[in-house]
Amino acid sequence: MVLKVYLIEIWLTGGRYLYLLIAKLKEDKGANYMMVIFLISFLIILLDQWFKILVEQSMNYGQTVVVIDNVLNLTYVKNPGAAFGLFRDYTFILTLLSIIFILLFIVFIYYYAFDSLLFRLACGFIIGGAAGNLIDRIRLGYVIDYVDLSFWPVFNLADVMVVIGGVILIGFLWKKGQVI
């Protein structure tokens, strides 16, 4: 029970920091373009790694802690593959692909360089999430997943950030007429 309360409190605190960062970025329209993206990415990486270390140190592998009955659990899972456990035991290739993706995505950001907070948030979420899982692959040889919705494969904060960032980015580019 203490772990559950502690993790929820950390999640909310991280959300508050992200909200304050977004509010500050709205005020400071002249902020360095790439610095904003890397700042968001860095915050996502810190939160992601913090949660994973808490799960690693506070739970046994395979252990489940019920947060909301039949809806949300914390389950400590080691994922040696990609999304949904695909490509198990290809850690080196997944690590290499992650590095290439992050570098190509940074080139993409420089190429498009939209002066939009929404674009910067989306890019920061994607880079932060991808880098969070990359750190796990390099550090551990697998990715720590812990969010268990019972009806979906177990995932983590980094996964959520990549998906949210991707959806925001696609919507933004679609509105700009840049989606092929």
N, C-alpha and C. Protein backbone atom coordinates (compact mmCIF):
# COMPACT_ATOMS: atom_id res chain seq x y z
N MET A 1 0.82 -1.19 0.00
CA MET A 1 0.00 0.00 0.00
C MET A 1 0.86 1.25 0.00
N VAL A 2 1.95 1.24 0.77
CA VAL A 2 2.85 2.40 0.83
C VAL A 2 3.47 2.64 -0.54
N LEU A 3 3.90 1.57 -1.24
CA LEU A 3 4.48 1.69 -2.57
C LEU A 3 3.48 2.34 -3.53
N LYS A 4 2.22 1.89 -3.47
CA LYS A 4 1.19 2.41 -4.36
C LYS A 4 1.01 3.91 -4.15
N VAL A 5 0.89 4.34 -2.92
CA VAL A 5 0.71 5.76 -2.60
C VAL A 5 1.93 6.55 -3.03
N TYR A 6 3.12 6.01 -2.78
CA TYR A 6 4.36 6.70 -3.12
C TYR A 6 4.49 6.88 -4.63
N LEU A 7 4.21 5.83 -5.40
CA LEU A 7 4.30 5.92 -6.86
C LEU A 7 3.27 6.89 -7.43
N ILE A 8 2.07 6.89 -6.91
CA ILE A 8 1.03 7.82 -7.36
C ILE A 8 1.46 9.25 -7.05
N GLU A 9 2.02 9.47 -5.87
CA GLU A 9 2.48 10.80 -5.48
C GLU A 9 3.60 11.28 -6.41
N ILE A 10 4.52 10.39 -6.75
CA ILE A 10 5.62 10.75 -7.66
C ILE A 10 5.06 11.07 -9.04
N TRP A 11 4.12 10.27 -9.51
CA TRP A 11 3.51 10.49 -10.82
C TRP A 11 2.88 11.88 -10.86
N LEU A 12 2.12 12.22 -9.83
CA LEU A 12 1.47 13.52 -9.78
C LEU A 12 2.48 14.66 -9.67
N THR A 13 3.53 14.46 -8.88
CA THR A 13 4.57 15.49 -8.74
C THR A 13 5.25 15.72 -10.08
N GLY A 14 5.59 14.66 -10.79
CA GLY A 14 6.19 14.78 -12.11
C GLY A 14 5.26 15.51 -13.06
N GLY A 15 3.98 15.22 -12.98
CA GLY A 15 2.99 15.91 -13.80
C GLY A 15 2.94 17.39 -13.49
N ARG A 16 3.04 17.73 -12.21
CA ARG A 16 3.06 19.15 -11.83
C ARG A 16 4.28 19.86 -12.39
N TYR A 17 5.45 19.21 -12.32
CA TYR A 17 6.67 19.81 -12.87
C TYR A 17 6.54 20.01 -14.38
N LEU A 18 5.97 19.03 -15.07
CA LEU A 18 5.78 19.15 -16.51
C LEU A 18 4.82 20.28 -16.82
N TYR A 19 3.74 20.39 -16.05
CA TYR A 19 2.77 21.47 -16.24
C TYR A 19 3.43 22.84 -16.04
N LEU A 20 4.26 22.97 -14.98
CA LEU A 20 4.96 24.24 -14.73
C LEU A 20 5.94 24.56 -15.85
N LEU A 21 6.61 23.53 -16.36
CA LEU A 21 7.54 23.74 -17.47
C LEU A 21 6.79 24.23 -18.71
N ILE A 22 5.66 23.60 -19.01
CA ILE A 22 4.86 24.00 -20.18
C ILE A 22 4.37 25.44 -20.01
N ALA A 23 3.91 25.80 -18.81
CA ALA A 23 3.46 27.17 -18.55
C ALA A 23 4.60 28.16 -18.76
N LYS A 24 5.79 27.82 -18.29
CA LYS A 24 6.95 28.70 -18.46
C LYS A 24 7.30 28.84 -19.93
N LEU A 25 7.22 27.75 -20.68
CA LEU A 25 7.56 27.80 -22.10
C LEU A 25 6.55 28.66 -22.88
N LYS A 26 5.30 28.67 -22.46
CA LYS A 26 4.31 29.52 -23.11
C LYS A 26 4.64 30.99 -22.90
N GLU A 27 5.15 31.32 -21.72
CA GLU A 27 5.51 32.71 -21.42
C GLU A 27 6.73 33.15 -22.22
N ASP A 28 7.71 32.26 -22.35
CA ASP A 28 8.99 32.60 -22.94
C ASP A 28 9.04 32.17 -24.41
N LYS A 29 8.42 32.97 -25.28
CA LYS A 29 8.35 32.61 -26.69
C LYS A 29 9.71 32.71 -27.38
N GLY A 30 10.66 33.41 -26.78
CA GLY A 30 11.97 33.56 -27.39
C GLY A 30 12.97 32.51 -26.92
N ALA A 31 12.50 31.49 -26.21
CA ALA A 31 13.41 30.46 -25.69
C ALA A 31 14.12 29.74 -26.84
N ASN A 32 15.34 29.33 -26.58
CA ASN A 32 16.11 28.60 -27.57
C ASN A 32 15.32 27.37 -28.02
N TYR A 33 15.13 27.26 -29.32
CA TYR A 33 14.26 26.24 -29.91
C TYR A 33 14.63 24.81 -29.50
N MET A 34 15.87 24.41 -29.75
CA MET A 34 16.27 23.04 -29.43
C MET A 34 16.41 22.83 -27.93
N MET A 35 16.79 23.87 -27.21
CA MET A 35 16.94 23.75 -25.76
C MET A 35 15.61 23.35 -25.12
N VAL A 36 14.54 23.91 -25.62
CA VAL A 36 13.21 23.58 -25.09
C VAL A 36 12.92 22.09 -25.31
N ILE A 37 13.20 21.60 -26.50
CA ILE A 37 12.94 20.19 -26.81
C ILE A 37 13.80 19.28 -25.91
N PHE A 38 15.07 19.63 -25.77
CA PHE A 38 15.95 18.79 -24.95
C PHE A 38 15.61 18.89 -23.47
N LEU A 39 15.11 20.03 -23.03
CA LEU A 39 14.69 20.17 -21.64
C LEU A 39 13.49 19.26 -21.35
N ILE A 40 12.53 19.27 -22.24
CA ILE A 40 11.36 18.39 -22.10
C ILE A 40 11.81 16.93 -22.13
N SER A 41 12.68 16.60 -23.08
CA SER A 41 13.19 15.23 -23.18
C SER A 41 13.89 14.81 -21.89
N PHE A 42 14.72 15.69 -21.36
CA PHE A 42 15.46 15.40 -20.14
C PHE A 42 14.51 15.13 -18.97
N LEU A 43 13.45 15.95 -18.84
CA LEU A 43 12.47 15.74 -17.77
C LEU A 43 11.77 14.40 -17.92
N ILE A 44 11.40 14.05 -19.15
CA ILE A 44 10.75 12.76 -19.41
C ILE A 44 11.70 11.61 -19.04
N ILE A 45 12.97 11.72 -19.44
CA ILE A 45 13.95 10.68 -19.12
C ILE A 45 14.10 10.53 -17.61
N LEU A 46 14.22 11.66 -16.90
CA LEU A 46 14.36 11.60 -15.44
C LEU A 46 13.17 10.90 -14.79
N LEU A 47 11.96 11.32 -15.16
CA LEU A 47 10.76 10.71 -14.58
C LEU A 47 10.69 9.22 -14.92
N ASP A 48 10.95 8.89 -16.17
CA ASP A 48 10.89 7.50 -16.61
C ASP A 48 11.88 6.63 -15.84
N GLN A 49 13.12 7.07 -15.76
CA GLN A 49 14.14 6.30 -15.06
C GLN A 49 13.85 6.23 -13.56
N TRP A 50 13.31 7.29 -13.00
CA TRP A 50 12.95 7.31 -11.58
C TRP A 50 11.90 6.25 -11.29
N PHE A 51 10.85 6.21 -12.12
CA PHE A 51 9.81 5.19 -11.93
C PHE A 51 10.38 3.79 -12.06
N LYS A 52 11.21 3.58 -13.08
CA LYS A 52 11.75 2.25 -13.31
C LYS A 52 12.65 1.80 -12.17
N ILE A 53 13.44 2.71 -11.63
CA ILE A 53 14.30 2.36 -10.50
C ILE A 53 13.45 2.06 -9.27
N LEU A 54 12.38 2.83 -9.05
CA LEU A 54 11.48 2.55 -7.93
C LEU A 54 10.85 1.17 -8.07
N VAL A 55 10.39 0.85 -9.26
CA VAL A 55 9.79 -0.47 -9.49
C VAL A 55 10.83 -1.55 -9.27
N GLU A 56 12.01 -1.36 -9.82
CA GLU A 56 13.09 -2.34 -9.70
C GLU A 56 13.49 -2.59 -8.24
N GLN A 57 13.52 -1.53 -7.45
CA GLN A 57 13.96 -1.66 -6.06
C GLN A 57 12.84 -2.02 -5.09
N SER A 58 11.60 -1.73 -5.47
CA SER A 58 10.48 -1.92 -4.53
C SER A 58 9.64 -3.16 -4.81
N MET A 59 9.80 -3.75 -5.98
CA MET A 59 8.96 -4.88 -6.35
C MET A 59 9.84 -6.05 -6.77
N ASN A 60 9.28 -7.24 -6.64
CA ASN A 60 9.93 -8.43 -7.16
C ASN A 60 9.50 -8.62 -8.61
N TYR A 61 10.38 -9.19 -9.43
CA TYR A 61 10.05 -9.45 -10.82
C TYR A 61 8.75 -10.26 -10.89
N GLY A 62 7.81 -9.80 -11.70
CA GLY A 62 6.52 -10.47 -11.86
C GLY A 62 5.47 -10.07 -10.84
N GLN A 63 5.86 -9.34 -9.81
CA GLN A 63 4.92 -8.93 -8.76
C GLN A 63 3.93 -7.92 -9.31
N THR A 64 2.69 -8.03 -8.85
CA THR A 64 1.63 -7.10 -9.24
C THR A 64 1.09 -6.42 -8.01
N VAL A 65 0.94 -5.10 -8.09
CA VAL A 65 0.32 -4.31 -7.04
C VAL A 65 -0.94 -3.68 -7.63
N VAL A 66 -2.09 -3.99 -7.04
CA VAL A 66 -3.36 -3.45 -7.54
C VAL A 66 -3.48 -1.99 -7.12
N VAL A 67 -3.68 -1.11 -8.10
CA VAL A 67 -3.88 0.31 -7.82
C VAL A 67 -5.37 0.62 -7.85
N ILE A 68 -6.05 0.20 -8.93
CA ILE A 68 -7.51 0.33 -9.06
C ILE A 68 -8.01 -1.02 -9.54
N ASP A 69 -8.85 -1.67 -8.73
CA ASP A 69 -9.33 -3.02 -9.05
C ASP A 69 -9.83 -3.13 -10.48
N ASN A 70 -9.35 -4.17 -11.17
CA ASN A 70 -9.76 -4.52 -12.53
C ASN A 70 -9.50 -3.43 -13.57
N VAL A 71 -8.71 -2.41 -13.21
CA VAL A 71 -8.43 -1.33 -14.15
C VAL A 71 -6.93 -1.09 -14.27
N LEU A 72 -6.28 -0.80 -13.15
CA LEU A 72 -4.87 -0.41 -13.18
C LEU A 72 -4.07 -1.15 -12.12
N ASN A 73 -3.01 -1.80 -12.59
CA ASN A 73 -2.08 -2.50 -11.71
C ASN A 73 -0.66 -2.02 -12.02
N LEU A 74 0.22 -2.20 -11.07
CA LEU A 74 1.65 -2.05 -11.31
C LEU A 74 2.21 -3.46 -11.34
N THR A 75 2.80 -3.84 -12.46
CA THR A 75 3.37 -5.18 -12.61
C THR A 75 4.80 -5.03 -13.13
N TYR A 76 5.74 -5.60 -12.43
CA TYR A 76 7.15 -5.51 -12.80
C TYR A 76 7.45 -6.56 -13.88
N VAL A 77 7.70 -6.07 -15.10
CA VAL A 77 7.97 -6.93 -16.24
C VAL A 77 9.28 -6.52 -16.89
N LYS A 78 10.07 -7.50 -17.31
CA LYS A 78 11.30 -7.24 -18.06
C LYS A 78 11.02 -7.57 -19.52
N ASN A 79 11.07 -6.55 -20.37
CA ASN A 79 10.74 -6.73 -21.78
C ASN A 79 12.03 -6.69 -22.61
N PRO A 80 12.50 -7.86 -23.08
CA PRO A 80 13.73 -7.88 -23.87
C PRO A 80 13.50 -7.51 -25.34
N GLY A 81 12.25 -7.25 -25.70
CA GLY A 81 11.93 -6.94 -27.09
C GLY A 81 11.47 -5.50 -27.26
N ALA A 82 10.70 -5.29 -28.31
CA ALA A 82 10.14 -3.97 -28.61
C ALA A 82 8.69 -3.95 -28.11
N ALA A 83 7.87 -3.12 -28.70
CA ALA A 83 6.47 -3.00 -28.30
C ALA A 83 5.79 -4.37 -28.31
N PHE A 84 5.02 -4.63 -27.27
CA PHE A 84 4.27 -5.87 -27.10
C PHE A 84 5.16 -7.11 -27.05
N GLY A 85 6.44 -6.91 -26.73
CA GLY A 85 7.36 -8.03 -26.62
C GLY A 85 7.84 -8.58 -27.95
N LEU A 86 7.59 -7.87 -29.05
CA LEU A 86 8.06 -8.32 -30.36
C LEU A 86 9.59 -8.24 -30.41
N PHE A 87 10.18 -9.06 -31.24
CA PHE A 87 11.63 -9.07 -31.48
C PHE A 87 12.44 -9.35 -30.20
N ARG A 88 11.98 -10.29 -29.41
CA ARG A 88 12.72 -10.70 -28.22
C ARG A 88 14.13 -11.14 -28.60
N ASP A 89 15.04 -10.89 -27.72
CA ASP A 89 16.42 -11.33 -27.88
C ASP A 89 17.15 -10.66 -29.06
N TYR A 90 16.66 -9.53 -29.51
CA TYR A 90 17.35 -8.72 -30.51
C TYR A 90 17.75 -7.39 -29.90
N THR A 91 18.24 -7.44 -28.67
CA THR A 91 18.55 -6.22 -27.92
C THR A 91 19.56 -5.34 -28.65
N PHE A 92 20.61 -5.93 -29.21
CA PHE A 92 21.63 -5.13 -29.90
C PHE A 92 21.01 -4.38 -31.08
N ILE A 93 20.21 -5.09 -31.88
CA ILE A 93 19.59 -4.47 -33.04
C ILE A 93 18.59 -3.40 -32.60
N LEU A 94 17.80 -3.68 -31.58
CA LEU A 94 16.84 -2.68 -31.07
C LEU A 94 17.57 -1.46 -30.52
N THR A 95 18.69 -1.68 -29.84
CA THR A 95 19.49 -0.57 -29.32
C THR A 95 20.02 0.28 -30.46
N LEU A 96 20.58 -0.37 -31.45
CA LEU A 96 21.11 0.34 -32.62
C LEU A 96 20.00 1.11 -33.35
N LEU A 97 18.85 0.47 -33.56
CA LEU A 97 17.73 1.14 -34.21
C LEU A 97 17.23 2.34 -33.40
N SER A 98 17.22 2.22 -32.08
CA SER A 98 16.80 3.33 -31.22
C SER A 98 17.73 4.52 -31.37
N ILE A 99 19.03 4.25 -31.38
CA ILE A 99 20.02 5.33 -31.55
C ILE A 99 19.83 6.01 -32.90
N ILE A 100 19.69 5.20 -33.95
CA ILE A 100 19.49 5.76 -35.30
C ILE A 100 18.20 6.57 -35.35
N PHE A 101 17.11 6.04 -34.76
CA PHE A 101 15.84 6.76 -34.75
C PHE A 101 15.98 8.12 -34.07
N ILE A 102 16.60 8.15 -32.91
CA ILE A 102 16.74 9.41 -32.17
C ILE A 102 17.55 10.41 -32.99
N LEU A 103 18.65 9.97 -33.59
CA LEU A 103 19.47 10.87 -34.39
C LEU A 103 18.72 11.37 -35.62
N LEU A 104 18.02 10.48 -36.32
CA LEU A 104 17.23 10.91 -37.48
C LEU A 104 16.09 11.85 -37.08
N PHE A 105 15.53 11.60 -35.91
CA PHE A 105 14.44 12.46 -35.45
C PHE A 105 14.97 13.87 -35.13
N ILE A 106 16.17 13.96 -34.59
CA ILE A 106 16.78 15.27 -34.33
C ILE A 106 17.01 16.00 -35.66
N VAL A 107 17.46 15.27 -36.69
CA VAL A 107 17.62 15.87 -38.02
C VAL A 107 16.26 16.35 -38.53
N PHE A 108 15.22 15.55 -38.35
CA PHE A 108 13.86 15.92 -38.74
C PHE A 108 13.45 17.23 -38.07
N ILE A 109 13.75 17.36 -36.78
CA ILE A 109 13.39 18.58 -36.04
C ILE A 109 14.11 19.79 -36.63
N TYR A 110 15.39 19.64 -36.91
CA TYR A 110 16.14 20.75 -37.53
C TYR A 110 15.58 21.11 -38.90
N TYR A 111 15.16 20.08 -39.66
CA TYR A 111 14.65 20.31 -41.01
C TYR A 111 13.34 21.08 -40.97
N TYR A 112 12.43 20.67 -40.09
CA TYR A 112 11.12 21.32 -40.03
C TYR A 112 11.14 22.58 -39.17
N ALA A 113 11.72 22.52 -38.01
CA ALA A 113 11.89 23.68 -37.12
C ALA A 113 10.67 24.60 -37.05
N PHE A 114 9.50 24.03 -36.82
CA PHE A 114 8.30 24.84 -36.65
C PHE A 114 8.41 25.62 -35.35
N ASP A 115 8.05 26.88 -35.37
CA ASP A 115 8.07 27.69 -34.16
C ASP A 115 6.73 27.54 -33.44
N SER A 116 6.57 26.38 -32.85
CA SER A 116 5.31 26.05 -32.17
C SER A 116 5.61 25.28 -30.90
N LEU A 117 5.00 25.70 -29.81
CA LEU A 117 5.17 24.98 -28.55
C LEU A 117 4.64 23.56 -28.67
N LEU A 118 3.55 23.36 -29.38
CA LEU A 118 2.99 22.03 -29.56
C LEU A 118 3.97 21.11 -30.28
N PHE A 119 4.61 21.61 -31.31
CA PHE A 119 5.61 20.84 -32.05
C PHE A 119 6.78 20.48 -31.13
N ARG A 120 7.24 21.45 -30.35
CA ARG A 120 8.37 21.20 -29.44
C ARG A 120 8.00 20.19 -28.37
N LEU A 121 6.78 20.30 -27.82
CA LEU A 121 6.33 19.33 -26.81
C LEU A 121 6.31 17.92 -27.40
N ALA A 122 5.72 17.79 -28.58
CA ALA A 122 5.62 16.48 -29.23
C ALA A 122 7.01 15.88 -29.44
N CYS A 123 7.93 16.69 -29.95
CA CYS A 123 9.29 16.21 -30.21
C CYS A 123 10.01 15.85 -28.91
N GLY A 124 9.82 16.67 -27.88
CA GLY A 124 10.42 16.38 -26.58
C GLY A 124 9.89 15.09 -25.98
N PHE A 125 8.58 14.86 -26.11
CA PHE A 125 7.98 13.63 -25.61
C PHE A 125 8.56 12.41 -26.34
N ILE A 126 8.66 12.49 -27.66
CA ILE A 126 9.14 11.36 -28.45
C ILE A 126 10.61 11.06 -28.15
N ILE A 127 11.45 12.09 -28.15
CA ILE A 127 12.87 11.86 -27.87
C ILE A 127 13.06 11.37 -26.44
N GLY A 128 12.36 11.98 -25.48
CA GLY A 128 12.48 11.56 -24.09
C GLY A 128 12.05 10.13 -23.88
N GLY A 129 10.94 9.74 -24.48
CA GLY A 129 10.46 8.36 -24.35
C GLY A 129 11.39 7.36 -25.01
N ALA A 130 11.83 7.67 -26.23
CA ALA A 130 12.74 6.77 -26.93
C ALA A 130 14.06 6.64 -26.17
N ALA A 131 14.57 7.75 -25.66
CA ALA A 131 15.83 7.72 -24.90
C ALA A 131 15.67 6.98 -23.58
N GLY A 132 14.51 7.11 -22.92
CA GLY A 132 14.27 6.40 -21.66
C GLY A 132 14.36 4.90 -21.83
N ASN A 133 13.75 4.38 -22.89
CA ASN A 133 13.82 2.95 -23.15
C ASN A 133 15.21 2.54 -23.65
N LEU A 134 15.87 3.42 -24.40
CA LEU A 134 17.23 3.14 -24.86
C LEU A 134 18.18 2.99 -23.67
N ILE A 135 18.03 3.84 -22.68
CA ILE A 135 18.86 3.75 -21.47
C ILE A 135 18.69 2.39 -20.81
N ASP A 136 17.45 1.91 -20.74
CA ASP A 136 17.21 0.57 -20.16
C ASP A 136 17.92 -0.51 -20.96
N ARG A 137 17.80 -0.44 -22.29
CA ARG A 137 18.43 -1.48 -23.12
C ARG A 137 19.94 -1.49 -22.94
N ILE A 138 20.53 -0.30 -22.84
CA ILE A 138 21.98 -0.22 -22.66
C ILE A 138 22.37 -0.65 -21.25
N ARG A 139 21.62 -0.18 -20.26
CA ARG A 139 21.95 -0.44 -18.85
C ARG A 139 21.64 -1.87 -18.43
N LEU A 140 20.52 -2.41 -18.91
CA LEU A 140 20.04 -3.70 -18.41
C LEU A 140 19.96 -4.81 -19.45
N GLY A 141 19.85 -4.43 -20.70
CA GLY A 141 19.65 -5.43 -21.75
C GLY A 141 18.18 -5.71 -22.01
N TYR A 142 17.31 -5.01 -21.35
CA TYR A 142 15.86 -5.13 -21.52
C TYR A 142 15.23 -3.83 -21.01
N VAL A 143 13.93 -3.68 -21.28
CA VAL A 143 13.19 -2.49 -20.83
C VAL A 143 12.29 -2.90 -19.67
N ILE A 144 12.27 -2.09 -18.63
CA ILE A 144 11.38 -2.33 -17.50
C ILE A 144 10.01 -1.72 -17.81
N ASP A 145 8.99 -2.56 -17.79
CA ASP A 145 7.60 -2.12 -17.96
C ASP A 145 6.88 -2.34 -16.65
N TYR A 146 5.87 -1.53 -16.38
CA TYR A 146 5.19 -1.63 -15.08
C TYR A 146 3.72 -1.21 -15.09
N VAL A 147 3.25 -0.48 -16.07
CA VAL A 147 1.85 -0.06 -16.10
C VAL A 147 1.04 -1.18 -16.74
N ASP A 148 0.11 -1.73 -15.97
CA ASP A 148 -0.66 -2.90 -16.40
C ASP A 148 -2.14 -2.54 -16.36
N LEU A 149 -2.74 -2.43 -17.55
CA LEU A 149 -4.17 -2.11 -17.64
C LEU A 149 -5.04 -3.36 -17.75
N SER A 150 -4.47 -4.52 -17.60
CA SER A 150 -5.15 -5.82 -17.63
C SER A 150 -5.62 -6.22 -19.03
N PHE A 151 -6.07 -5.28 -19.84
CA PHE A 151 -6.56 -5.61 -21.18
C PHE A 151 -5.54 -5.26 -22.27
N TRP A 152 -4.36 -4.78 -21.87
CA TRP A 152 -3.33 -4.32 -22.80
C TRP A 152 -1.98 -4.82 -22.30
N PRO A 153 -1.02 -5.04 -23.18
CA PRO A 153 0.31 -5.45 -22.70
C PRO A 153 0.89 -4.40 -21.73
N VAL A 154 1.71 -4.83 -20.81
CA VAL A 154 2.32 -3.94 -19.81
C VAL A 154 3.27 -2.98 -20.52
N PHE A 155 3.26 -1.71 -20.08
CA PHE A 155 4.08 -0.68 -20.70
C PHE A 155 4.65 0.24 -19.64
N ASN A 156 5.30 1.34 -20.04
CA ASN A 156 5.91 2.25 -19.09
C ASN A 156 5.69 3.70 -19.51
N LEU A 157 6.19 4.64 -18.72
CA LEU A 157 6.02 6.06 -19.00
C LEU A 157 6.67 6.44 -20.34
N ALA A 158 7.83 5.89 -20.64
CA ALA A 158 8.50 6.20 -21.91
C ALA A 158 7.61 5.83 -23.10
N ASP A 159 6.97 4.67 -23.02
CA ASP A 159 6.06 4.25 -24.09
C ASP A 159 4.91 5.24 -24.25
N VAL A 160 4.35 5.67 -23.13
CA VAL A 160 3.25 6.62 -23.15
C VAL A 160 3.68 7.92 -23.81
N MET A 161 4.87 8.40 -23.46
CA MET A 161 5.36 9.66 -24.02
C MET A 161 5.59 9.57 -25.52
N VAL A 162 6.12 8.44 -26.00
CA VAL A 162 6.31 8.26 -27.44
C VAL A 162 4.97 8.28 -28.16
N VAL A 163 3.98 7.58 -27.62
CA VAL A 163 2.66 7.53 -28.25
C VAL A 163 1.99 8.90 -28.24
N ILE A 164 1.97 9.57 -27.07
CA ILE A 164 1.35 10.89 -26.99
C ILE A 164 2.07 11.87 -27.91
N GLY A 165 3.40 11.87 -27.88
CA GLY A 165 4.17 12.74 -28.76
C GLY A 165 3.89 12.46 -30.22
N GLY A 166 3.81 11.18 -30.58
CA GLY A 166 3.51 10.80 -31.96
C GLY A 166 2.14 11.28 -32.42
N VAL A 167 1.14 11.11 -31.57
CA VAL A 167 -0.21 11.56 -31.90
C VAL A 167 -0.25 13.08 -32.07
N ILE A 168 0.37 13.79 -31.13
CA ILE A 168 0.42 15.26 -31.23
C ILE A 168 1.15 15.69 -32.50
N LEU A 169 2.28 15.06 -32.78
CA LEU A 169 3.07 15.42 -33.96
C LEU A 169 2.30 15.16 -35.25
N ILE A 170 1.67 14.00 -35.36
CA ILE A 170 0.89 13.68 -36.56
C ILE A 170 -0.25 14.68 -36.73
N GLY A 171 -0.96 14.99 -35.63
CA GLY A 171 -2.03 15.98 -35.70
C GLY A 171 -1.51 17.35 -36.12
N PHE A 172 -0.38 17.75 -35.56
CA PHE A 172 0.22 19.04 -35.88
C PHE A 172 0.61 19.10 -37.35
N LEU A 173 1.32 18.06 -37.83
CA LEU A 173 1.76 18.05 -39.22
C LEU A 173 0.58 17.94 -40.18
N TRP A 174 -0.44 17.21 -39.78
CA TRP A 174 -1.65 17.08 -40.60
C TRP A 174 -2.29 18.46 -40.77
N LYS A 175 -2.41 19.19 -39.68
CA LYS A 175 -3.01 20.52 -39.72
C LYS A 175 -2.16 21.47 -40.59
N LYS A 176 -0.85 21.31 -40.56
CA LYS A 176 0.06 22.15 -41.35
C LYS A 176 0.12 21.69 -42.81
N GLY A 177 -0.50 20.54 -43.12
CA GLY A 177 -0.44 20.02 -44.47
C GLY A 177 0.88 19.36 -44.81
N GLN A 178 1.63 18.93 -43.79
CA GLN A 178 2.97 18.36 -43.98
C GLN A 178 2.96 16.83 -43.95
N VAL A 179 1.82 16.21 -43.66
CA VAL A 179 1.77 14.74 -43.59
C VAL A 179 1.63 14.19 -45.00
N ILE A 180 2.50 13.24 -45.32
CA ILE A 180 2.50 12.66 -46.67
C ILE A 180 1.40 11.62 -46.77
